C-alpha atoms as a PDB file:
ATOM      1  CA  MET A   1       0.504  -0.062   0.031  1.00  0.00           C
ATOM      2  CA  ASP A   2       1.599   3.478  -0.866  1.00  0.00           C
ATOM      3  CA  MET A   3       2.537   5.013   2.550  1.00  0.00           C
ATOM      4  CA  ASP A   4       1.870   8.366   1.575  1.00  0.00           C
ATOM      5  CA  ARG A   5      -1.950   7.332  -0.090  1.00  0.00           C
ATOM      6  CA  GLU A   6      -2.414   5.433   3.233  1.00  0.00           C
ATOM      7  CA  SER A   7      -1.157   8.794   5.098  1.00  0.00           C
ATOM      8  CA  ARG A   8      -3.767  11.204   3.207  1.00  0.00           C
ATOM      9  CA  VAL A   9      -6.785   9.139   3.413  1.00  0.00           C
ATOM     10  CA  SER A  10      -6.211   8.490   7.671  1.00  0.00           C
ATOM     11  CA  MET A  11      -5.439  11.789   8.072  1.00  0.00           C
ATOM     12  CA  GLU A  12      -7.745  13.698   6.258  1.00  0.00           C
ATOM     13  CA  HIS A  13     -10.847  11.677   7.191  1.00  0.00           C
ATOM     14  CA  GLY A  14      -9.620  12.685  11.027  1.00  0.00           C
ATOM     15  CA  MET A  15      -9.435   9.666  12.826  1.00  0.00           C
ATOM     16  CA  MET A  16     -10.476  10.630  16.251  1.00  0.00           C
ATOM     17  CA  ALA A  17     -10.109   8.329  19.383  1.00  0.00           C
ATOM     18  CA  ASP A  18     -11.101   8.630  23.136  1.00  0.00           C
ATOM     19  CA  SER A  19     -10.216  12.227  24.186  1.00  0.00           C
ATOM     20  CA  ASP A  20      -9.820  10.501  28.052  1.00  0.00           C
ATOM     21  CA  CYS A  21      -6.757   8.655  27.192  1.00  0.00           C
ATOM     22  CA  GLU A  22      -3.467   9.995  29.148  1.00  0.00           C
ATOM     23  CA  SER A  23      -0.299  10.425  27.153  1.00  0.00           C
ATOM     24  CA  ASP A  24       3.551  11.569  29.255  1.00  0.00           C
ATOM     25  CA  SER A  25       6.130  12.254  26.770  1.00  0.00           C
ATOM     26  CA  GLY A  26       8.661  12.794  29.720  1.00  0.00           C
ATOM     27  CA  PHE A  27      10.085  16.061  28.144  1.00  0.00           C
ATOM     28  CA  ARG A  28       8.871  18.586  31.077  1.00  0.00           C
ATOM     29  CA  LYS A  29      10.881  21.268  30.134  1.00  0.00           C
ATOM     30  CA  PHE A  30       9.382  20.714  26.578  1.00  0.00           C
ATOM     31  CA  GLN A  31       7.195  24.082  25.485  1.00  0.00           C
ATOM     32  CA  GLU A  32       3.953  23.513  23.751  1.00  0.00           C
ATOM     33  CA  PHE A  33       4.799  26.353  20.781  1.00  0.00           C
ATOM     34  CA  PRO A  34       2.925  29.057  22.936  1.00  0.00           C
ATOM     35  CA  GLU A  35       4.089  31.527  20.070  1.00  0.00           C
ATOM     36  CA  ILE A  36       2.073  29.573  17.343  1.00  0.00           C
ATOM     37  CA  ARG A  37      -1.730  28.549  17.723  1.00  0.00           C
ATOM     38  CA  MET A  38      -1.324  25.056  17.391  1.00  0.00           C
ATOM     39  CA  VAL A  39      -3.343  21.952  18.944  1.00  0.00           C
ATOM     40  CA  LYS A  40      -1.836  18.827  20.266  1.00  0.00           C
ATOM     41  CA  LEU A  41      -2.677  15.595  19.342  1.00  0.00           C
ATOM     42  CA  ASP A  42      -3.168  13.039  22.011  1.00  0.00           C
ATOM     43  CA  GLU A  43      -0.965   9.746  21.874  1.00  0.00           C
ATOM     44  CA  CYS A  44      -4.364   8.030  21.319  1.00  0.00           C
ATOM     45  CA  GLU A  45      -5.332   9.894  18.633  1.00  0.00           C
ATOM     46  CA  GLY A  46      -6.023   8.400  15.005  1.00  0.00           C
ATOM     47  CA  GLU A  47      -4.199  11.124  13.275  1.00  0.00           C
ATOM     48  CA  HIS A  48      -1.214  10.877  16.100  1.00  0.00           C
ATOM     49  CA  GLY A  49      -1.254   7.009  15.373  1.00  0.00           C
ATOM     50  CA  VAL A  50      -0.853   7.191  11.649  1.00  0.00           C
ATOM     51  CA  ILE A  51       1.494  10.276  11.881  1.00  0.00           C
ATOM     52  CA  GLN A  52       3.854   8.428  14.115  1.00  0.00           C
ATOM     53  CA  THR A  53       3.866   5.119  11.977  1.00  0.00           C
ATOM     54  CA  THR A  54       4.721   6.612   9.026  1.00  0.00           C
ATOM     55  CA  PHE A  55       7.429   8.486  10.459  1.00  0.00           C
ATOM     56  CA  LEU A  56       9.160   5.868  12.389  1.00  0.00           C
ATOM     57  CA  GLY A  57       8.781   2.938   9.734  1.00  0.00           C
ATOM     58  CA  ALA A  58       9.989   5.780   6.997  1.00  0.00           C
ATOM     59  CA  MET A  59      13.100   6.168   9.412  1.00  0.00           C
ATOM     60  CA  GLY A  60      14.280   2.767   8.935  1.00  0.00           C
ATOM     61  CA  PHE A  61      16.652   1.344  11.472  1.00  0.00           C
ATOM     62  CA  ILE A  62      16.838   4.937  12.738  1.00  0.00           C
ATOM     63  CA  GLY A  63      13.009   4.798  13.985  1.00  0.00           C
ATOM     64  CA  ASN A  64      13.933   2.577  16.895  1.00  0.00           C
ATOM     65  CA  GLU A  65      16.540   4.500  18.317  1.00  0.00           C
ATOM     66  CA  ILE A  66      13.990   7.870  18.111  1.00  0.00           C
ATOM     67  CA  ASN A  67      11.972   8.999  21.114  1.00  0.00           C
ATOM     68  CA  LEU A  68       8.791  10.664  19.637  1.00  0.00           C
ATOM     69  CA  VAL A  69       8.195  13.888  21.641  1.00  0.00           C
ATOM     70  CA  SER A  70       4.736  15.382  20.595  1.00  0.00           C
ATOM     71  CA  ILE A  71       2.486  16.055  17.762  1.00  0.00           C
ATOM     72  CA  HIS A  72       0.817  19.529  16.946  1.00  0.00           C
ATOM     73  CA  LYS A  73      -1.515  20.150  14.174  1.00  0.00           C
ATOM     74  CA  ASN A  74      -2.251  23.854  12.344  1.00  0.00           C
ATOM     75  CA  SER A  75      -5.413  23.738  12.673  1.00  0.00           C
ATOM     76  CA  HIS A  76      -5.945  27.069  12.836  1.00  0.00           C
ATOM     77  CA  SER A  77      -4.656  28.437   9.530  1.00  0.00           C
ATOM     78  CA  SER A  78      -8.124  28.421   7.727  1.00  0.00           C
ATOM     79  CA  VAL A  79      -7.412  30.918   5.716  1.00  0.00           C
ATOM     80  CA  LYS A  80      -4.007  29.732   4.782  1.00  0.00           C
ATOM     81  CA  LEU A  81      -5.660  25.992   4.004  1.00  0.00           C
ATOM     82  CA  GLU A  82      -8.393  27.359   2.109  1.00  0.00           C
ATOM     83  CA  ALA A  83      -6.022  29.563  -0.003  1.00  0.00           C
ATOM     84  CA  PHE A  84      -4.065  26.097  -0.882  1.00  0.00           C
ATOM     85  CA  ARG A  85      -6.805  24.406  -1.553  1.00  0.00           C
ATOM     86  CA  ILE A  86      -7.976  27.271  -4.390  1.00  0.00           C
ATOM     87  CA  PHE A  87      -4.356  26.666  -5.619  1.00  0.00           C
ATOM     88  CA  SER A  88      -4.546  23.190  -5.759  1.00  0.00           C
ATOM     89  CA  GLN A  89      -8.102  23.250  -7.694  1.00  0.00           C
ATOM     90  CA  ALA A  90      -6.134  25.937  -9.975  1.00  0.00           C
ATOM     91  CA  VAL A  91      -3.522  23.517 -10.451  1.00  0.00           C
ATOM     92  CA  ALA A  92      -5.942  20.437 -11.096  1.00  0.00           C
ATOM     93  CA  ALA A  93      -7.731  22.359 -14.069  1.00  0.00           C
ATOM     94  CA  ARG A  94      -4.370  22.923 -15.705  1.00  0.00           C
ATOM     95  CA  ARG A  95      -2.963  19.306 -14.999  1.00  0.00           C
ATOM     96  CA  GLY A  96      -6.586  17.154 -16.071  1.00  0.00           C
ATOM     97  CA  GLY A  97      -7.980  16.856 -12.679  1.00  0.00           C
ATOM     98  CA  ASP A  98      -4.921  15.769 -10.720  1.00  0.00           C
ATOM     99  CA  ALA A  99      -3.275  18.423  -8.688  1.00  0.00           C
ATOM    100  CA  ASN A 100      -0.541  15.943  -7.259  1.00  0.00           C
ATOM    101  CA  VAL A 101      -0.755  16.828  -3.644  1.00  0.00           C
ATOM    102  CA  LYS A 102       1.570  14.998  -1.351  1.00  0.00           C
ATOM    103  CA  TYR A 103       2.323  14.636   2.124  1.00  0.00           C
ATOM    104  CA  ALA A 104       6.201  15.861   2.449  1.00  0.00           C
ATOM    105  CA  TRP A 105       8.825  16.838   5.129  1.00  0.00           C
ATOM    106  CA  PHE A 106      10.629  19.582   6.333  1.00  0.00           C
ATOM    107  CA  GLY A 107      13.238  20.277   8.851  1.00  0.00           C
ATOM    108  CA  GLY A 108      14.899  23.150  10.513  1.00  0.00           C
ATOM    109  CA  SER A 109      14.907  24.826  14.086  1.00  0.00           C
ATOM    110  CA  ARG A 110      12.751  25.904  16.307  1.00  0.00           C
ATOM    111  CA  ASP A 111      12.028  29.208  15.609  1.00  0.00           C
ATOM    112  CA  GLU A 112      12.208  28.732  12.016  1.00  0.00           C
ATOM    113  CA  LEU A 113       9.331  26.152  11.635  1.00  0.00           C
ATOM    114  CA  CYS A 114       7.320  28.751  13.852  1.00  0.00           C
ATOM    115  CA  ASP A 115       7.794  31.683  11.577  1.00  0.00           C
ATOM    116  CA  ILE A 116       7.020  29.324   8.795  1.00  0.00           C
ATOM    117  CA  VAL A 117       3.804  28.251  10.188  1.00  0.00           C
ATOM    118  CA  ASN A 118       2.897  32.088  11.433  1.00  0.00           C
ATOM    119  CA  PHE A 119       4.300  33.881   8.646  1.00  0.00           C
ATOM    120  CA  GLY A 120       5.371  31.735   5.537  1.00  0.00           C
ATOM    121  CA  PHE A 121       8.769  30.782   4.272  1.00  0.00           C
ATOM    122  CA  GLY A 122      10.830  34.006   3.820  1.00  0.00           C
ATOM    123  CA  ARG A 123      14.375  32.840   3.224  1.00  0.00           C
ATOM    124  CA  LEU A 124      16.130  29.677   1.682  1.00  0.00           C
ATOM    125  CA  GLY A 125      18.674  27.225   3.421  1.00  0.00           C
ATOM    126  CA  ASP A 126      22.092  27.620   2.868  1.00  0.00           C
ATOM    127  CA  SER A 127      24.079  26.361  -0.253  1.00  0.00           C
ATOM    128  CA  GLU A 128      23.411  23.227   0.264  1.00  0.00           C
ATOM    129  CA  SER A 129      20.176  23.632  -0.589  1.00  0.00           C
ATOM    130  CA  PHE A 130      20.915  24.413  -3.680  1.00  0.00           C
ATOM    131  CA  SER A 131      22.154  21.050  -5.496  1.00  0.00           C
ATOM    132  CA  HIS A 132      19.159  20.563  -7.651  1.00  0.00           C
ATOM    133  CA  GLY A 133      17.667  24.476  -8.427  1.00  0.00           C
ATOM    134  CA  VAL A 134      17.156  27.419  -6.160  1.00  0.00           C
ATOM    135  CA  GLY A 135      13.928  26.798  -3.933  1.00  0.00           C
ATOM    136  CA  ILE A 136      12.039  24.952  -0.793  1.00  0.00           C
ATOM    137  CA  TYR A 137      13.367  21.548  -0.678  1.00  0.00           C
ATOM    138  CA  LEU A 138      11.153  19.089   0.896  1.00  0.00           C
ATOM    139  CA  SER A 139      11.583  15.059   2.060  1.00  0.00           C
ATOM    140  CA  PRO A 140       8.759  12.646   0.409  1.00  0.00           C
ATOM    141  CA  VAL A 141       6.464  11.206   3.033  1.00  0.00           C
ATOM    142  CA  ASN A 142       8.565   7.697   2.806  1.00  0.00           C
ATOM    143  CA  LEU A 143      11.733   8.990   2.861  1.00  0.00           C
ATOM    144  CA  PRO A 144      11.924  11.863   5.907  1.00  0.00           C
ATOM    145  CA  ILE A 145      15.807  11.031   6.678  1.00  0.00           C
ATOM    146  CA  GLY A 146      17.391  14.443   4.538  1.00  0.00           C
ATOM    147  CA  SER A 147      14.684  16.672   6.871  1.00  0.00           C
ATOM    148  CA  ALA A 148      15.017  14.712  10.025  1.00  0.00           C
ATOM    149  CA  LEU A 149      19.122  15.409   9.883  1.00  0.00           C
ATOM    150  CA  ARG A 150      18.771  18.984   9.254  1.00  0.00           C
ATOM    151  CA  ALA A 151      16.284  19.600  12.203  1.00  0.00           C
ATOM    152  CA  GLU A 152      18.308  21.545  14.500  1.00  0.00           C
ATOM    153  CA  GLU A 153      18.219  20.744  18.537  1.00  0.00           C
ATOM    154  CA  ASP A 154      16.446  23.142  20.610  1.00  0.00           C
ATOM    155  CA  GLU A 155      17.537  24.451  23.993  1.00  0.00           C
ATOM    156  CA  ASN A 156      16.195  20.989  25.124  1.00  0.00           C
ATOM    157  CA  GLY A 157      17.343  18.567  22.653  1.00  0.00           C
ATOM    158  CA  VAL A 158      14.405  18.367  21.003  1.00  0.00           C
ATOM    159  CA  ARG A 159      14.376  18.662  16.920  1.00  0.00           C
ATOM    160  CA  HIS A 160      11.233  19.614  14.930  1.00  0.00           C
ATOM    161  CA  MET A 161      10.343  19.256  11.169  1.00  0.00           C
ATOM    162  CA  LEU A 162       6.841  20.337   9.541  1.00  0.00           C
ATOM    163  CA  MET A 163       4.874  18.059   7.805  1.00  0.00           C
ATOM    164  CA  CYS A 164       3.204  19.858   4.738  1.00  0.00           C
ATOM    165  CA  ARG A 165       0.809  19.315   2.186  1.00  0.00           C
ATOM    166  CA  VAL A 166       2.600  20.022  -1.152  1.00  0.00           C
ATOM    167  CA  ILE A 167       0.547  20.915  -4.373  1.00  0.00           C
ATOM    168  CA  LEU A 168       3.697  19.074  -7.040  1.00  0.00           C
ATOM    169  CA  GLY A 169       1.347  19.212 -10.305  1.00  0.00           C
ATOM    170  CA  ASN A 170       3.682  18.506 -12.904  1.00  0.00           C
ATOM    171  CA  THR A 171       7.054  17.151 -12.060  1.00  0.00           C
ATOM    172  CA  GLU A 172      10.703  17.953 -13.802  1.00  0.00           C
ATOM    173  CA  THR A 173      13.690  16.226 -12.900  1.00  0.00           C
ATOM    174  CA  ILE A 174      16.246  18.932 -12.289  1.00  0.00           C
ATOM    175  CA  PRO A 175      19.653  17.701 -12.645  1.00  0.00           C
ATOM    176  CA  PRO A 176      22.670  18.584 -10.037  1.00  0.00           C
ATOM    177  CA  ALA A 177      23.973  21.656 -10.221  1.00  0.00           C
ATOM    178  CA  SER A 178      21.716  23.270 -11.528  1.00  0.00           C
ATOM    179  CA  LYS A 179      20.758  27.045 -10.313  1.00  0.00           C
ATOM    180  CA  GLN A 180      17.645  27.028 -12.131  1.00  0.00           C
ATOM    181  CA  LEU A 181      15.013  29.174 -10.469  1.00  0.00           C
ATOM    182  CA  GLN A 182      11.414  28.148 -11.793  1.00  0.00           C
ATOM    183  CA  PRO A 183       9.414  25.768 -14.060  1.00  0.00           C
ATOM    184  CA  SER A 184      11.405  25.423 -17.028  1.00  0.00           C
ATOM    185  CA  CYS A 185       8.258  25.932 -19.439  1.00  0.00           C
ATOM    186  CA  THR A 186       4.582  26.082 -18.415  1.00  0.00           C
ATOM    187  CA  ASP A 187       4.216  22.286 -18.514  1.00  0.00           C
ATOM    188  CA  PHE A 188       5.641  21.989 -15.424  1.00  0.00           C
ATOM    189  CA  ASP A 189       5.095  23.174 -11.659  1.00  0.00           C
ATOM    190  CA  SER A 190       7.549  21.456  -9.186  1.00  0.00           C
ATOM    191  CA  GLY A 191      10.752  19.772  -9.810  1.00  0.00           C
ATOM    192  CA  ILE A 192      12.170  16.433  -8.437  1.00  0.00           C
ATOM    193  CA  ASP A 193      15.671  15.173  -8.135  1.00  0.00           C
ATOM    194  CA  ASN A 194      15.259  11.754  -9.275  1.00  0.00           C
ATOM    195  CA  PRO A 195      12.267  10.802 -11.899  1.00  0.00           C
ATOM    196  CA  LEU A 196      11.959   7.491 -10.586  1.00  0.00           C
ATOM    197  CA  GLU A 197      12.623   7.340  -6.663  1.00  0.00           C
ATOM    198  CA  PRO A 198      12.735  11.190  -5.477  1.00  0.00           C
ATOM    199  CA  THR A 199      14.763  12.054  -2.563  1.00  0.00           C
ATOM    200  CA  LYS A 200      13.812  15.842  -2.776  1.00  0.00           C
ATOM    201  CA  TYR A 201      10.761  17.887  -3.603  1.00  0.00           C
ATOM    202  CA  ILE A 202      11.665  21.461  -4.988  1.00  0.00           C
ATOM    203  CA  ILE A 203       9.146  24.441  -4.730  1.00  0.00           C
ATOM    204  CA  TRP A 204       9.713  26.990  -6.761  1.00  0.00           C
ATOM    205  CA  THR A 205      10.142  30.544  -4.828  1.00  0.00           C
ATOM    206  CA  ALA A 206       7.432  31.729  -6.694  1.00  0.00           C
ATOM    207  CA  TYR A 207       4.752  29.359  -4.986  1.00  0.00           C
ATOM    208  CA  MET A 208       6.442  28.651  -1.849  1.00  0.00           C
ATOM    209  CA  ASN A 209       3.643  30.045  -0.224  1.00  0.00           C
ATOM    210  CA  THR A 210       1.105  29.193  -1.889  1.00  0.00           C
ATOM    211  CA  HIS A 211       1.803  25.331  -2.862  1.00  0.00           C
ATOM    212  CA  ILE A 212       3.138  24.318   0.756  1.00  0.00           C
ATOM    213  CA  PHE A 213       0.728  23.660   3.640  1.00  0.00           C
ATOM    214  CA  PRO A 214       2.491  23.193   6.836  1.00  0.00           C
ATOM    215  CA  ALA A 215      -0.243  20.789   8.586  1.00  0.00           C
ATOM    216  CA  TYR A 216       1.834  19.296  11.579  1.00  0.00           C
ATOM    217  CA  ILE A 217       4.697  19.654  13.964  1.00  0.00           C
ATOM    218  CA  ILE A 218       6.508  16.700  14.580  1.00  0.00           C
ATOM    219  CA  SER A 219       8.910  16.979  17.632  1.00  0.00           C
ATOM    220  CA  PHE A 220      11.360  13.983  18.695  1.00  0.00           C
ATOM    221  CA  THR A 221      14.713  13.159  19.906  1.00  0.00           C
ATOM    222  CA  LEU A 222      17.402  10.595  18.680  1.00  0.00           C
ATOM    223  CA  PRO A 223      19.998  10.114  21.628  1.00  0.00           C
ATOM    224  CA  GLY A 224      23.776  10.324  20.618  1.00  0.00           C
ATOM    225  CA  TRP A 225      22.472  11.498  17.205  1.00  0.00           C
ATOM    226  CA  GLY A 226      24.966  14.537  16.920  1.00  0.00           C
ATOM    227  CA  ARG A 227      27.141  15.002  19.505  1.00  0.00           C
ATOM    228  CA  ARG A 228      30.387  13.223  19.326  1.00  0.00           C
ATOM    229  CA  ASN A 229      32.867  15.110  16.870  1.00  0.00           C
ATOM    230  CA  TRP A 230      32.781  13.309  13.494  1.00  0.00           C
ATOM    231  CA  SER A 231      35.834  13.045  10.857  1.00  0.00           C
ATOM    232  CA  SER A 232      35.482  16.181   7.652  1.00  0.00           C
ATOM    233  CA  SER A 233      35.761  13.112   5.066  1.00  0.00           C
ATOM    234  CA  PRO A 234      33.713  10.476   6.824  1.00  0.00           C
ATOM    235  CA  SER A 235      33.953   6.920   5.312  1.00  0.00           C
ATOM    236  CA  MET A 236      32.185   3.309   5.128  1.00  0.00           C
ATOM    237  CA  LYS A 237      32.865   0.383   3.542  1.00  0.00           C
ATOM    238  CA  PHE A 238      30.488  -0.376   0.622  1.00  0.00           C
ATOM    239  CA  GLN A 239      28.910  -3.457   2.172  1.00  0.00           C
ATOM    240  CA  VAL A 240      28.516  -1.724   5.269  1.00  0.00           C
ATOM    241  CA  LEU A 241      26.861   1.393   3.586  1.00  0.00           C
ATOM    242  CA  MET A 242      24.752  -1.367   1.096  1.00  0.00           C
ATOM    243  CA  ARG A 243      23.442  -2.930   4.133  1.00  0.00           C
ATOM    244  CA  VAL A 244      22.781   0.183   6.262  1.00  0.00           C
ATOM    245  CA  LEU A 245      20.834   1.714   3.124  1.00  0.00           C
ATOM    246  CA  SER A 246      18.862  -1.266   2.808  1.00  0.00           C
ATOM    247  CA  GLY A 247      17.366  -0.839   6.100  1.00  0.00           C
ATOM    248  CA  LEU A 248      16.420   2.852   5.704  1.00  0.00           C
ATOM    249  CA  LEU A 249      15.828   3.013   2.008  1.00  0.00           C
ATOM    250  CA  PRO A 250      11.944   1.471   0.322  1.00  0.00           C
ATOM    251  CA  PRO A 251      12.565  -1.395  -1.790  1.00  0.00           C
ATOM    252  CA  THR A 252      12.016   0.148  -5.080  1.00  0.00           C
ATOM    253  CA  LYS A 253      14.997   2.982  -4.632  1.00  0.00           C
ATOM    254  CA  MET A 254      17.163  -0.144  -3.327  1.00  0.00           C
ATOM    255  CA  ARG A 255      16.777  -2.031  -6.169  1.00  0.00           C
ATOM    256  CA  PHE A 256      18.133  -0.049  -8.553  1.00  0.00           C
ATOM    257  CA  ILE A 257      21.123   0.745  -5.991  1.00  0.00           C
ATOM    258  CA  SER A 258      21.396  -3.277  -5.471  1.00  0.00           C
ATOM    259  CA  ASN A 259      21.965  -3.526  -9.195  1.00  0.00           C
ATOM    260  CA  TYR A 260      24.551  -0.840  -9.632  1.00  0.00           C
ATOM    261  CA  TYR A 261      26.778  -2.472  -6.542  1.00  0.00           C
ATOM    262  CA  ASN A 262      26.208  -5.598  -8.435  1.00  0.00           C
ATOM    263  CA  GLU A 263      27.677  -4.067 -11.821  1.00  0.00           C
ATOM    264  CA  PHE A 264      30.494  -2.341  -9.773  1.00  0.00           C
ATOM    265  CA  GLN A 265      31.189  -5.934  -7.742  1.00  0.00           C
ATOM    266  CA  ALA A 266      31.193  -7.717 -11.618  1.00  0.00           C
ATOM    267  CA  ASN A 267      33.424  -4.772 -12.837  1.00  0.00           C
ATOM    268  CA  LYS A 268      31.295  -3.231 -15.403  1.00  0.00           C
ATOM    269  CA  ILE A 269      31.378  -0.105 -13.330  1.00  0.00           C
ATOM    270  CA  ASP A 270      34.403   1.162 -11.834  1.00  0.00           C
ATOM    271  CA  ARG A 271      34.317   2.789  -8.370  1.00  0.00           C
ATOM    272  CA  PRO A 272      33.982   6.628  -9.525  1.00  0.00           C
ATOM    273  CA  GLN A 273      31.216   5.832 -11.570  1.00  0.00           C
ATOM    274  CA  PHE A 274      29.364   3.933  -8.861  1.00  0.00           C
ATOM    275  CA  ILE A 275      29.484   6.926  -6.240  1.00  0.00           C
ATOM    276  CA  THR A 276      28.370   9.186  -9.368  1.00  0.00           C
ATOM    277  CA  ARG A 277      25.442   7.054  -9.501  1.00  0.00           C
ATOM    278  CA  LEU A 278      25.275   6.270  -5.906  1.00  0.00           C
ATOM    279  CA  ARG A 279      25.291   9.942  -5.044  1.00  0.00           C
ATOM    280  CA  SER A 280      22.886  10.758  -8.148  1.00  0.00           C
ATOM    281  CA  PHE A 281      20.376   8.244  -6.970  1.00  0.00           C
ATOM    282  CA  VAL A 282      20.295   8.358  -2.934  1.00  0.00           C
ATOM    283  CA  GLY A 283      21.276  11.932  -3.100  1.00  0.00           C
ATOM    284  CA  ASP A 284      24.496  13.757  -1.488  1.00  0.00           C
ATOM    285  CA  SER A 285      22.873  15.261   1.978  1.00  0.00           C
ATOM    286  CA  VAL A 286      21.206  11.639   2.925  1.00  0.00           C
ATOM    287  CA  LEU A 287      24.466   9.855   1.747  1.00  0.00           C
ATOM    288  CA  PHE A 288      26.855  11.832   3.643  1.00  0.00           C
ATOM    289  CA  SER A 289      24.073  12.058   6.767  1.00  0.00           C
ATOM    290  CA  VAL A 290      24.028   8.644   6.779  1.00  0.00           C
ATOM    291  CA  ILE A 291      27.477   7.853   6.827  1.00  0.00           C
ATOM    292  CA  LYS A 292      28.499  10.497   9.425  1.00  0.00           C
ATOM    293  CA  LEU A 293      25.719   9.071  11.664  1.00  0.00           C
ATOM    294  CA  CYS A 294      26.990   5.498  11.194  1.00  0.00           C
ATOM    295  CA  ASN A 295      30.599   6.505  11.952  1.00  0.00           C
ATOM    296  CA  ASP A 296      29.043   8.420  14.863  1.00  0.00           C
ATOM    297  CA  GLN A 297      27.091   5.484  16.634  1.00  0.00           C
ATOM    298  CA  ARG A 298      29.859   2.785  15.869  1.00  0.00           C
ATOM    299  CA  ASN A 299      32.509   5.141  17.790  1.00  0.00           C
END
């Protein structure tokens, strides 16, 4: 079953459980976003369960070590949500009835996410974010690792991500190192880094506050993540890396990577060719961060 579709159906139907159940995150110092109007979901609510299962399951083996602190729902931005629906209908009218709306992740600092919920996207990330054009980068719902690694710890050691609804419309593949700023023509609405298994959705700046609706804030911790010094050039044996990626990436994506690895082992492609294909398919930020994370856990 398609995870994105399952999440969308379940959450849009507002699966609600009994409201008298209790939850205790264990993080008493954690502040409940007093500066923005967000509703905390109870752990017994259906929405909470769907999002938790989606997030932890998509994080692969790392999900076993994550402590999910809380999930907050953006239920007060009715004007922004209505605007999102209007733009979704407009895109659908241009694209044969399908606006291609997906759920996607966006990681950052706590203050950055609060500003996005309150005022919208107002600035772009650092230069690493521009690997496939200049825009807002989000991670597909079934591959949150890229956004999770960009989520910064707050003063209590808690990280935060937005779970957004995104209007993709017609997508076009954006090549590495591209400095594209907008759709290449009127046939397209957004970008992706890989046509088979994208790891990035690229929303152009002109659409960043009309085609993205921040629906939830997910707060979590991962003990030991990022607390040790890493080598500036982390390395890992290919065999170990393949085993780690197989527990993290979707099976369809992993099949392609395994084929590349088998060609490399059979001397059909050389090491630089394999690395180039691996970087193109997995994405530099995800690949580099996974290697660093595994080295950190191993030390």
